[in-house]
Amino acid sequence: MSLNKENIETEIKAKIVEIAAQTGDDASELAVDDIIPATGLIDSTGLLELIAWYEKTYQIPLAQEEINVDNLGSLTRMAEFVLRKKGLL
């Protein structure tokens, strides 16, 4: 896995598409700057699944105060947060 912004965004989007499909939603049109919770594509359980996957995949434990829209609200914000936590941005 290459840690660059575009690859991270693509991986996260694929996970969101997978989670949304579990409830019959299609997240394939999700844009990189869409605010994920506001789209309604995944519910609160889906958001928890996404965050757990995100922590495990990118090996970045999240403190409670880091779990917010500024850090994790969109594909772009999530990718940039990974890069910041890894010291690559």
N, C-alpha and C. Protein backbone atom coordinates (compact mmCIF):
# COMPACT_ATOMS: atom_id res chain seq x y z
N MET A 1 0.85 -1.18 0.00
CA MET A 1 0.00 0.00 0.00
C MET A 1 0.89 1.24 0.00
N SER A 2 0.68 2.07 -0.98
CA SER A 2 1.44 3.31 -1.07
C SER A 2 0.67 4.42 -0.36
N LEU A 3 1.34 5.09 0.55
CA LEU A 3 0.68 6.15 1.30
C LEU A 3 0.78 7.48 0.55
N ASN A 4 -0.11 7.64 -0.42
CA ASN A 4 -0.26 8.96 -1.03
C ASN A 4 -1.74 9.29 -1.00
N LYS A 5 -2.04 10.55 -1.09
CA LYS A 5 -3.40 11.04 -0.89
C LYS A 5 -4.42 10.35 -1.79
N GLU A 6 -4.12 10.22 -3.06
CA GLU A 6 -5.08 9.63 -4.00
C GLU A 6 -5.35 8.17 -3.69
N ASN A 7 -4.30 7.40 -3.38
CA ASN A 7 -4.49 5.99 -3.04
C ASN A 7 -5.31 5.83 -1.77
N ILE A 8 -5.03 6.65 -0.78
CA ILE A 8 -5.78 6.58 0.49
C ILE A 8 -7.25 6.92 0.24
N GLU A 9 -7.50 7.98 -0.51
CA GLU A 9 -8.89 8.35 -0.82
C GLU A 9 -9.62 7.21 -1.52
N THR A 10 -8.94 6.56 -2.47
CA THR A 10 -9.54 5.46 -3.22
C THR A 10 -9.86 4.28 -2.30
N GLU A 11 -8.95 3.95 -1.40
CA GLU A 11 -9.16 2.84 -0.46
C GLU A 11 -10.32 3.14 0.49
N ILE A 12 -10.37 4.36 1.00
CA ILE A 12 -11.45 4.73 1.93
C ILE A 12 -12.79 4.72 1.20
N LYS A 13 -12.81 5.24 0.00
CA LYS A 13 -14.07 5.25 -0.77
C LYS A 13 -14.55 3.83 -1.02
N ALA A 14 -13.64 2.93 -1.35
CA ALA A 14 -14.02 1.53 -1.58
C ALA A 14 -14.66 0.93 -0.33
N LYS A 15 -14.10 1.26 0.84
CA LYS A 15 -14.68 0.76 2.09
C LYS A 15 -16.06 1.36 2.33
N ILE A 16 -16.22 2.65 2.05
CA ILE A 16 -17.53 3.29 2.23
C ILE A 16 -18.56 2.68 1.28
N VAL A 17 -18.16 2.43 0.03
CA VAL A 17 -19.06 1.78 -0.93
C VAL A 17 -19.49 0.41 -0.40
N GLU A 18 -18.54 -0.33 0.15
CA GLU A 18 -18.83 -1.65 0.72
C GLU A 18 -19.81 -1.55 1.89
N ILE A 19 -19.56 -0.62 2.80
CA ILE A 19 -20.43 -0.44 3.96
C ILE A 19 -21.83 0.01 3.53
N ALA A 20 -21.90 0.96 2.61
CA ALA A 20 -23.20 1.46 2.13
C ALA A 20 -24.00 0.37 1.45
N ALA A 21 -23.33 -0.51 0.72
CA ALA A 21 -24.01 -1.59 0.02
C ALA A 21 -24.71 -2.54 0.98
N GLN A 22 -24.19 -2.65 2.20
CA GLN A 22 -24.79 -3.55 3.20
C GLN A 22 -26.21 -3.12 3.55
N THR A 23 -26.52 -1.83 3.37
CA THR A 23 -27.87 -1.33 3.65
C THR A 23 -28.60 -0.94 2.37
N GLY A 24 -28.07 -1.38 1.24
CA GLY A 24 -28.74 -1.13 -0.03
C GLY A 24 -28.48 0.23 -0.64
N ASP A 25 -27.50 0.97 -0.14
CA ASP A 25 -27.18 2.28 -0.70
C ASP A 25 -25.99 2.18 -1.65
N ASP A 26 -25.95 3.10 -2.61
CA ASP A 26 -24.87 3.14 -3.58
C ASP A 26 -24.03 4.39 -3.34
N ALA A 27 -22.81 4.20 -2.85
CA ALA A 27 -21.92 5.33 -2.54
C ALA A 27 -20.88 5.55 -3.63
N SER A 28 -21.08 4.95 -4.79
CA SER A 28 -20.07 5.02 -5.85
C SER A 28 -19.86 6.43 -6.38
N GLU A 29 -20.83 7.30 -6.20
CA GLU A 29 -20.71 8.68 -6.68
C GLU A 29 -20.17 9.64 -5.61
N LEU A 30 -19.75 9.10 -4.47
CA LEU A 30 -19.22 9.94 -3.39
C LEU A 30 -18.01 10.72 -3.88
N ALA A 31 -18.05 12.03 -3.73
CA ALA A 31 -16.94 12.89 -4.15
C ALA A 31 -15.95 13.04 -3.00
N VAL A 32 -14.70 13.38 -3.33
CA VAL A 32 -13.65 13.46 -2.31
C VAL A 32 -13.93 14.51 -1.24
N ASP A 33 -14.72 15.53 -1.57
CA ASP A 33 -15.00 16.58 -0.60
C ASP A 33 -16.39 16.50 0.03
N ASP A 34 -17.17 15.48 -0.32
CA ASP A 34 -18.48 15.30 0.31
C ASP A 34 -18.28 15.01 1.79
N ILE A 35 -19.11 15.63 2.63
CA ILE A 35 -19.07 15.35 4.07
C ILE A 35 -19.81 14.03 4.30
N ILE A 36 -19.06 13.02 4.63
CA ILE A 36 -19.57 11.64 4.67
C ILE A 36 -20.81 11.49 5.57
N PRO A 37 -20.80 11.96 6.82
CA PRO A 37 -22.01 11.78 7.64
C PRO A 37 -23.23 12.50 7.06
N ALA A 38 -23.02 13.61 6.38
CA ALA A 38 -24.14 14.39 5.83
C ALA A 38 -24.76 13.74 4.60
N THR A 39 -24.04 12.83 3.95
CA THR A 39 -24.58 12.19 2.75
C THR A 39 -25.69 11.21 3.06
N GLY A 40 -25.70 10.67 4.29
CA GLY A 40 -26.69 9.67 4.65
C GLY A 40 -26.43 8.30 4.03
N LEU A 41 -25.27 8.13 3.41
CA LEU A 41 -24.95 6.87 2.76
C LEU A 41 -24.63 5.76 3.74
N ILE A 42 -24.09 6.14 4.90
CA ILE A 42 -23.84 5.14 5.94
C ILE A 42 -24.39 5.66 7.26
N ASP A 43 -24.94 4.76 8.05
CA ASP A 43 -25.53 5.13 9.33
C ASP A 43 -24.46 5.15 10.42
N SER A 44 -24.89 5.37 11.65
CA SER A 44 -23.92 5.48 12.75
C SER A 44 -23.14 4.19 12.94
N THR A 45 -23.78 3.05 12.75
CA THR A 45 -23.07 1.77 12.85
C THR A 45 -22.03 1.67 11.75
N GLY A 46 -22.39 2.12 10.55
CA GLY A 46 -21.46 2.13 9.44
C GLY A 46 -20.28 3.05 9.69
N LEU A 47 -20.56 4.19 10.32
CA LEU A 47 -19.46 5.11 10.65
C LEU A 47 -18.49 4.48 11.64
N LEU A 48 -19.03 3.76 12.63
CA LEU A 48 -18.17 3.07 13.59
C LEU A 48 -17.33 1.99 12.90
N GLU A 49 -17.95 1.27 11.98
CA GLU A 49 -17.22 0.25 11.22
C GLU A 49 -16.11 0.91 10.39
N LEU A 50 -16.42 2.03 9.76
CA LEU A 50 -15.44 2.75 8.95
C LEU A 50 -14.27 3.21 9.81
N ILE A 51 -14.55 3.77 10.97
CA ILE A 51 -13.48 4.27 11.84
C ILE A 51 -12.61 3.12 12.34
N ALA A 52 -13.22 2.01 12.71
CA ALA A 52 -12.45 0.85 13.17
C ALA A 52 -11.55 0.33 12.04
N TRP A 53 -12.10 0.24 10.84
CA TRP A 53 -11.32 -0.19 9.68
C TRP A 53 -10.17 0.78 9.41
N TYR A 54 -10.46 2.07 9.47
CA TYR A 54 -9.49 3.14 9.22
C TYR A 54 -8.31 3.04 10.18
N GLU A 55 -8.61 2.89 11.47
CA GLU A 55 -7.55 2.75 12.48
C GLU A 55 -6.67 1.53 12.20
N LYS A 56 -7.31 0.41 11.91
CA LYS A 56 -6.57 -0.84 11.68
C LYS A 56 -5.77 -0.78 10.38
N THR A 57 -6.39 -0.31 9.32
CA THR A 57 -5.74 -0.29 8.00
C THR A 57 -4.52 0.61 7.99
N TYR A 58 -4.65 1.79 8.58
CA TYR A 58 -3.56 2.77 8.54
C TYR A 58 -2.73 2.78 9.82
N GLN A 59 -3.05 1.87 10.75
CA GLN A 59 -2.31 1.71 11.99
C GLN A 59 -2.13 3.04 12.72
N ILE A 60 -3.26 3.74 12.88
CA ILE A 60 -3.25 5.00 13.62
C ILE A 60 -4.38 4.97 14.65
N PRO A 61 -4.05 4.70 15.89
CA PRO A 61 -5.08 4.76 16.93
C PRO A 61 -5.58 6.19 17.05
N LEU A 62 -6.89 6.33 17.15
CA LEU A 62 -7.49 7.66 17.24
C LEU A 62 -7.92 7.97 18.66
N ALA A 63 -7.55 9.14 19.13
CA ALA A 63 -8.05 9.62 20.42
C ALA A 63 -9.47 10.13 20.19
N GLN A 64 -10.29 10.09 21.21
CA GLN A 64 -11.69 10.52 21.10
C GLN A 64 -11.80 11.90 20.47
N GLU A 65 -10.93 12.82 20.89
CA GLU A 65 -11.02 14.20 20.39
C GLU A 65 -10.60 14.32 18.92
N GLU A 66 -9.96 13.30 18.37
CA GLU A 66 -9.57 13.33 16.96
C GLU A 66 -10.69 12.88 16.03
N ILE A 67 -11.69 12.24 16.59
CA ILE A 67 -12.80 11.74 15.79
C ILE A 67 -13.81 12.87 15.62
N ASN A 68 -13.61 13.64 14.56
CA ASN A 68 -14.49 14.77 14.28
C ASN A 68 -14.50 15.04 12.77
N VAL A 69 -15.40 15.91 12.36
CA VAL A 69 -15.57 16.22 10.94
C VAL A 69 -14.33 16.88 10.35
N ASP A 70 -13.61 17.66 11.14
CA ASP A 70 -12.41 18.32 10.63
C ASP A 70 -11.35 17.30 10.21
N ASN A 71 -11.23 16.21 10.94
CA ASN A 71 -10.23 15.19 10.62
C ASN A 71 -10.76 14.07 9.73
N LEU A 72 -12.03 13.72 9.91
CA LEU A 72 -12.56 12.52 9.28
C LEU A 72 -13.83 12.76 8.48
N GLY A 73 -14.13 14.00 8.15
CA GLY A 73 -15.41 14.31 7.52
C GLY A 73 -15.55 13.93 6.06
N SER A 74 -14.45 13.92 5.32
CA SER A 74 -14.51 13.62 3.89
C SER A 74 -13.35 12.72 3.52
N LEU A 75 -13.37 12.22 2.31
CA LEU A 75 -12.26 11.39 1.84
C LEU A 75 -10.96 12.16 1.89
N THR A 76 -10.98 13.41 1.44
CA THR A 76 -9.79 14.24 1.44
C THR A 76 -9.27 14.46 2.86
N ARG A 77 -10.17 14.80 3.77
CA ARG A 77 -9.76 15.05 5.16
C ARG A 77 -9.20 13.79 5.81
N MET A 78 -9.82 12.65 5.52
CA MET A 78 -9.34 11.39 6.09
C MET A 78 -7.95 11.05 5.55
N ALA A 79 -7.74 11.24 4.25
CA ALA A 79 -6.43 10.95 3.65
C ALA A 79 -5.36 11.88 4.21
N GLU A 80 -5.68 13.16 4.30
CA GLU A 80 -4.72 14.12 4.82
C GLU A 80 -4.40 13.84 6.29
N PHE A 81 -5.39 13.39 7.06
CA PHE A 81 -5.17 13.06 8.46
C PHE A 81 -4.19 11.90 8.60
N VAL A 82 -4.36 10.87 7.77
CA VAL A 82 -3.42 9.74 7.77
C VAL A 82 -2.01 10.25 7.51
N LEU A 83 -1.87 11.06 6.47
CA LEU A 83 -0.54 11.56 6.11
C LEU A 83 0.07 12.42 7.21
N ARG A 84 -0.76 13.23 7.88
CA ARG A 84 -0.26 14.04 9.00
C ARG A 84 0.19 13.15 10.15
N LYS A 85 -0.63 12.15 10.49
CA LYS A 85 -0.30 11.25 11.61
C LYS A 85 0.96 10.45 11.31
N LYS A 86 1.21 10.17 10.05
CA LYS A 86 2.40 9.41 9.65
C LYS A 86 3.60 10.32 9.40
N GLY A 87 3.41 11.63 9.56
CA GLY A 87 4.50 12.57 9.35
C GLY A 87 4.87 12.77 7.89
N LEU A 88 3.92 12.52 7.01
CA LEU A 88 4.17 12.64 5.57
C LEU A 88 3.54 13.89 4.96
N LEU A 89 2.90 14.69 5.78
CA LEU A 89 2.26 15.92 5.28
C LEU A 89 2.56 17.07 6.21
